[in-house]
């Protein structure tokens, strides 16, 4: 897939300010995501990455500034209405409903879909099960008993149940072993290759820069540097993110779309705890 060149961004944020109480976190965030692109927001802890995503998803109100989706101002639009327009969200920490079954979690993700067209629910559910076979195998199992990797699959699958055009993904690698992160990022790459626009926040810069095509570097609640990954000044990235030799150890892939598309693999690990207190083991082992 070539780089998107649509004249109008699918998603844009202009001069966003937001925070909690009297504490300001965002101090004028500007970014845009073109239709079909896969973009990432990177920064040190406390830079405002997750708050930016929460404002874009409608979970945290913007104090000022504007959020536009497909040319429409959605700055004050409630979360559920954004989902109805095509904005899916994979929240930080995955946030599955532990007492509910896998299928019940997926059904909750489809609430806007079922309101719009009930006949679409069954085929979309089947598509998610085909993409994540482990979810089909565990459809009646309580989500809280899944491994961390399986919960990651469930969180992505739940967001896909609304048939989004844009997927917001907040810290997908958190708490997962490196091999499982590779599997998860392959899922996101496959989804993007299939036409889904993605914006993600990722603390693991070496993984994230391999996946995304466009990068935004956040510092103190503002975008301080951005551009195509293939064209970024590596020294500038090192300076802004303080990642030293890690960047050199994982040179960014300039075009994610050139990867060979592969069937989605099961994302699993052995840890049954939702807190992921144990070290995840190898992929492909059942919980």
Protein backbone atom coordinates (compact mmCIF):
# COMPACT_ATOMS: atom_id res chain seq x y z
CA UNK A 1 0.00 0.00 0.00
CA UNK A 2 1.46 3.35 -0.98
CA UNK A 3 1.45 6.27 1.37
CA UNK A 4 -2.01 7.85 1.64
CA UNK A 5 -2.29 11.17 -0.20
CA UNK A 6 -5.86 12.20 0.54
CA UNK A 7 -6.25 15.97 0.59
CA UNK A 8 -8.36 15.85 3.76
CA UNK A 9 -7.02 13.95 6.79
CA UNK A 10 -9.27 11.26 8.18
CA UNK A 11 -8.41 12.47 11.69
CA UNK A 12 -6.90 15.75 12.77
CA UNK A 13 -6.20 17.46 16.07
CA UNK A 14 -5.61 21.19 16.14
CA UNK A 15 -4.15 23.07 19.13
CA UNK A 16 -5.56 20.61 21.67
CA UNK A 17 -5.38 21.61 25.32
CA UNK A 18 -6.60 19.24 28.03
CA UNK A 19 -5.88 18.01 31.52
CA UNK A 20 -7.38 17.05 34.84
CA UNK A 21 -8.74 19.53 37.35
CA UNK A 22 -6.34 22.46 37.31
CA UNK A 23 -3.47 20.37 35.95
CA UNK A 24 -2.86 20.93 32.25
CA UNK A 25 -1.35 17.98 30.35
CA UNK A 26 -1.75 18.94 26.70
CA UNK A 27 -0.47 22.33 25.64
CA UNK A 28 -1.49 22.58 22.00
CA UNK A 29 -1.23 19.18 20.31
CA UNK A 30 -1.38 19.20 16.50
CA UNK A 31 -1.45 16.01 14.43
CA UNK A 32 -3.23 14.42 11.51
CA UNK A 33 -3.75 10.90 10.19
CA UNK A 34 -4.44 10.32 6.51
CA UNK A 35 -6.93 7.73 5.36
CA UNK A 36 -5.11 4.38 5.10
CA UNK A 37 -2.09 5.50 7.10
CA UNK A 38 -0.64 3.87 10.21
CA UNK A 39 0.76 6.53 12.53
CA UNK A 40 2.31 6.50 15.96
CA UNK A 41 2.66 8.90 18.87
CA UNK A 42 5.87 8.50 20.88
CA UNK A 43 7.32 10.22 23.89
CA UNK A 44 8.74 9.80 27.36
CA UNK A 45 6.54 9.03 30.35
CA UNK A 46 4.39 12.02 31.20
CA UNK A 47 4.62 13.52 27.70
CA UNK A 48 0.83 13.36 27.29
CA UNK A 49 0.55 10.45 24.85
CA UNK A 50 -2.33 8.59 26.49
CA UNK A 51 -4.19 11.80 27.32
CA UNK A 52 -3.98 12.73 23.65
CA UNK A 53 -5.54 9.39 22.71
CA UNK A 54 -8.26 9.75 25.33
CA UNK A 55 -9.17 13.19 23.99
CA UNK A 56 -9.31 11.83 20.43
CA UNK A 57 -11.51 8.94 21.58
CA UNK A 58 -13.78 11.27 23.57
CA UNK A 59 -12.87 9.81 26.97
CA UNK A 60 -11.32 13.06 28.21
CA UNK A 61 -12.83 16.42 27.18
CA UNK A 62 -10.71 18.94 25.33
CA UNK A 63 -10.35 22.25 27.14
CA UNK A 64 -9.80 23.97 23.81
CA UNK A 65 -8.79 23.16 20.28
CA UNK A 66 -10.50 20.96 17.72
CA UNK A 67 -10.77 17.28 16.77
CA UNK A 68 -12.04 16.53 13.27
CA UNK A 69 -12.92 13.17 11.77
CA UNK A 70 -13.57 12.84 8.03
CA UNK A 71 -13.96 16.60 7.85
CA UNK A 72 -16.49 16.75 10.70
CA UNK A 73 -15.91 18.52 14.01
CA UNK A 74 -16.27 15.85 16.72
CA UNK A 75 -14.59 17.77 19.55
CA UNK A 76 -17.69 17.64 21.76
CA UNK A 77 -19.13 14.41 20.42
CA UNK A 78 -19.70 11.61 22.99
CA UNK A 79 -17.67 8.40 22.79
CA UNK A 80 -20.55 6.25 21.57
CA UNK A 81 -21.29 8.66 18.72
CA UNK A 82 -17.65 8.59 17.64
CA UNK A 83 -17.82 4.80 17.58
CA UNK A 84 -20.94 5.06 15.45
CA UNK A 85 -19.05 7.24 12.97
CA UNK A 86 -16.27 4.68 12.65
CA UNK A 87 -13.75 5.44 15.41
CA UNK A 88 -12.71 2.24 17.20
CA UNK A 89 -10.68 2.28 20.41
CA UNK A 90 -8.33 -0.23 22.05
CA UNK A 91 -7.74 1.35 25.47
CA UNK A 92 -4.62 1.34 27.56
CA UNK A 93 -4.49 -1.80 29.70
CA UNK A 94 -6.96 -3.52 27.33
CA UNK A 95 -9.79 -3.14 29.91
CA UNK A 96 -11.72 -6.26 29.09
CA UNK A 97 -14.70 -7.05 31.32
CA UNK A 98 -13.25 -9.90 33.42
CA UNK A 99 -16.53 -11.41 34.65
CA UNK A 100 -18.07 -11.52 31.18
CA UNK A 101 -17.32 -14.18 28.60
CA UNK A 102 -15.23 -13.58 25.51
CA UNK A 103 -18.34 -13.48 23.33
CA UNK A 104 -20.13 -11.11 25.72
CA UNK A 105 -17.16 -8.74 25.54
CA UNK A 106 -17.32 -8.85 21.76
CA UNK A 107 -21.06 -8.29 21.81
CA UNK A 108 -20.55 -5.14 23.88
CA UNK A 109 -18.11 -3.91 21.26
CA UNK A 110 -20.85 -4.30 18.65
CA UNK A 111 -23.51 -2.24 20.39
CA UNK A 112 -23.43 0.50 17.75
CA UNK A 113 -23.29 -2.05 14.96
CA UNK A 114 -26.36 -3.84 16.30
CA UNK A 115 -28.23 -0.55 16.58
CA UNK A 116 -27.30 0.31 13.00
CA UNK A 117 -27.84 -3.08 11.37
CA UNK A 118 -28.55 -6.18 13.47
CA UNK A 119 -28.00 -8.44 10.49
CA UNK A 120 -24.32 -7.45 10.42
CA UNK A 121 -23.58 -8.79 13.91
CA UNK A 122 -23.22 -12.48 13.09
CA UNK A 123 -20.94 -12.08 10.04
CA UNK A 124 -18.73 -9.52 11.80
CA UNK A 125 -18.45 -11.81 14.83
CA UNK A 126 -17.42 -14.65 12.54
CA UNK A 127 -14.79 -12.43 10.91
CA UNK A 128 -13.30 -11.63 14.31
CA UNK A 129 -13.27 -15.33 15.24
CA UNK A 130 -11.55 -16.13 11.95
CA UNK A 131 -8.91 -13.49 12.62
CA UNK A 132 -8.44 -14.62 16.23
CA UNK A 133 -9.14 -18.38 16.41
CA UNK A 134 -8.27 -18.45 20.11
CA UNK A 135 -11.29 -16.24 20.81
CA UNK A 136 -13.56 -18.68 19.03
CA UNK A 137 -12.09 -21.52 21.07
CA UNK A 138 -12.69 -19.60 24.30
CA UNK A 139 -15.91 -17.80 23.39
CA UNK A 140 -17.67 -18.95 26.57
CA UNK A 141 -14.67 -18.45 28.88
CA UNK A 142 -14.51 -15.54 31.32
CA UNK A 143 -12.26 -12.83 29.91
CA UNK A 144 -10.48 -12.45 33.23
CA UNK A 145 -9.09 -15.97 32.94
CA UNK A 146 -7.37 -15.31 29.60
CA UNK A 147 -3.65 -14.77 29.30
CA UNK A 148 -2.33 -11.27 28.67
CA UNK A 149 -1.83 -11.97 24.99
CA UNK A 150 -5.32 -13.40 24.64
CA UNK A 151 -6.76 -10.33 26.34
CA UNK A 152 -4.86 -8.20 23.82
CA UNK A 153 -6.53 -10.18 21.03
CA UNK A 154 -9.90 -9.69 22.71
CA UNK A 155 -9.40 -5.93 23.09
CA UNK A 156 -8.56 -5.56 19.41
CA UNK A 157 -11.37 -7.91 18.39
CA UNK A 158 -13.87 -5.99 20.51
CA UNK A 159 -12.90 -2.73 18.78
CA UNK A 160 -13.25 -4.39 15.36
CA UNK A 161 -16.83 -5.40 16.17
CA UNK A 162 -17.98 -1.87 15.34
CA UNK A 163 -16.46 -2.10 11.83
CA UNK A 164 -14.29 0.97 12.38
CA UNK A 165 -12.63 3.00 9.67
CA UNK A 166 -10.09 4.34 12.18
CA UNK A 167 -8.58 2.39 15.07
CA UNK A 168 -7.03 4.14 18.08
CA UNK A 169 -4.65 1.83 19.98
CA UNK A 170 -3.15 2.94 23.30
CA UNK A 171 0.03 1.19 24.54
CA UNK A 172 -0.63 -2.20 22.89
CA UNK A 173 2.67 -3.76 24.01
CA UNK A 174 2.28 -3.01 27.72
CA UNK A 175 2.82 -6.09 29.88
CA UNK A 176 3.52 -8.43 26.97
CA UNK A 177 6.67 -10.38 26.15
CA UNK A 178 8.63 -9.23 23.06
CA UNK A 179 7.63 -12.22 20.94
CA UNK A 180 3.96 -11.63 21.75
CA UNK A 181 4.37 -7.95 20.89
CA UNK A 182 5.69 -8.99 17.47
CA UNK A 183 2.58 -11.10 16.94
CA UNK A 184 0.31 -8.26 17.99
CA UNK A 185 2.07 -5.76 15.76
CA UNK A 186 1.72 -8.17 12.83
CA UNK A 187 -2.03 -8.20 13.47
CA UNK A 188 -2.07 -4.39 13.32
CA UNK A 189 0.07 -4.38 10.17
CA UNK A 190 -2.31 -6.86 8.51
CA UNK A 191 -5.33 -4.75 9.47
CA UNK A 192 -3.69 -1.66 8.02
CA UNK A 193 -2.76 -3.53 4.84
CA UNK A 194 -6.45 -4.39 4.56
CA UNK A 195 -7.37 -0.69 4.58
CA UNK A 196 -7.89 0.15 8.25
CA UNK A 197 -6.39 3.47 9.34
CA UNK A 198 -4.53 3.19 12.66
CA UNK A 199 -3.15 5.65 15.20
CA UNK A 200 -1.29 4.15 18.11
CA UNK A 201 0.56 5.29 21.19
CA UNK A 202 3.55 3.12 21.98
CA UNK A 203 6.15 3.32 24.74
CA UNK A 204 8.31 0.69 23.04
CA UNK A 205 9.89 2.92 20.43
CA UNK A 206 12.00 0.23 18.76
CA UNK A 207 8.92 -1.88 18.04
CA UNK A 208 6.69 1.06 17.22
CA UNK A 209 8.95 2.69 14.65
CA UNK A 210 9.13 -0.58 12.73
CA UNK A 211 5.35 -0.66 12.46
CA UNK A 212 4.21 2.89 11.73
CA UNK A 213 4.65 4.96 8.59
CA UNK A 214 4.23 8.37 10.21
CA UNK A 215 5.56 9.36 13.64
CA UNK A 216 4.77 12.17 16.07
CA UNK A 217 7.12 12.88 18.97
CA UNK A 218 5.48 14.39 22.01
CA UNK A 219 7.23 16.33 24.77
CA UNK A 220 5.53 18.19 27.61
CA UNK A 221 2.12 18.01 25.95
CA UNK A 222 3.17 19.27 22.51
CA UNK A 223 4.27 17.66 19.25
CA UNK A 224 7.91 18.70 18.88
CA UNK A 225 8.85 16.66 15.82
CA UNK A 226 6.98 14.63 13.19
CA UNK A 227 7.27 13.11 9.76
CA UNK A 228 7.50 9.94 7.72
CA UNK A 229 9.55 7.37 9.64
CA UNK A 230 11.80 6.82 6.61
CA UNK A 231 12.68 10.52 6.59
CA UNK A 232 13.13 11.21 10.31
CA UNK A 233 16.41 12.60 11.59
CA UNK A 234 17.57 9.70 13.74
CA UNK A 235 19.74 11.92 15.94
CA UNK A 236 16.77 14.18 16.58
CA UNK A 237 14.65 11.17 17.54
CA UNK A 238 17.37 9.94 19.89
CA UNK A 239 17.61 13.37 21.49
CA UNK A 240 13.85 13.78 21.93
CA UNK A 241 13.19 10.27 23.25
CA UNK A 242 16.46 9.53 25.01
CA UNK A 243 16.62 6.03 23.55
CA UNK A 244 20.31 6.01 22.64
CA UNK A 245 21.50 2.92 20.86
CA UNK A 246 18.08 1.28 20.94
CA UNK A 247 17.09 3.19 17.82
CA UNK A 248 20.13 1.92 15.97
CA UNK A 249 19.36 -1.62 17.08
CA UNK A 250 15.99 -1.50 15.38
CA UNK A 251 16.19 0.66 12.29
CA UNK A 252 12.69 1.75 11.26
CA UNK A 253 11.06 0.02 8.32
CA UNK A 254 10.33 2.81 5.79
CA UNK A 255 7.26 1.11 4.34
CA UNK A 256 5.18 -1.21 6.49
CA UNK A 257 3.03 -2.12 3.49
CA UNK A 258 5.92 -3.94 1.81
CA UNK A 259 5.73 -6.69 4.41
CA UNK A 260 4.44 -9.97 3.22
CA UNK A 261 0.87 -10.30 4.42
CA UNK A 262 0.56 -13.36 6.66
CA UNK A 263 -2.43 -15.03 8.31
CA UNK A 264 -3.09 -13.63 11.75
CA UNK A 265 -1.48 -15.69 14.46
CA UNK A 266 -2.88 -16.36 17.87
CA UNK A 267 -1.51 -13.96 20.46
CA UNK A 268 -1.06 -15.87 23.68
CA UNK A 269 1.01 -16.14 26.78
CA UNK A 270 0.88 -18.39 29.77
CA UNK A 271 0.19 -15.86 32.46
CA UNK A 272 -3.43 -16.23 33.67
CA UNK A 273 -3.34 -13.07 35.74
CA UNK A 274 -4.92 -9.91 34.40
CA UNK A 275 -2.10 -8.02 36.04
CA UNK A 276 0.47 -10.04 34.10
CA UNK A 277 2.58 -10.54 37.19
CA UNK A 278 4.31 -13.60 35.77
CA UNK A 279 6.77 -13.49 32.93
CA UNK A 280 4.96 -14.54 29.72
CA UNK A 281 6.22 -17.76 28.14
CA UNK A 282 6.33 -18.90 24.55
CA UNK A 283 3.62 -18.27 21.98
CA UNK A 284 1.23 -20.98 20.95
CA UNK A 285 0.86 -22.53 24.41
CA UNK A 286 -2.62 -22.66 25.82
CA UNK A 287 -3.42 -20.91 29.07
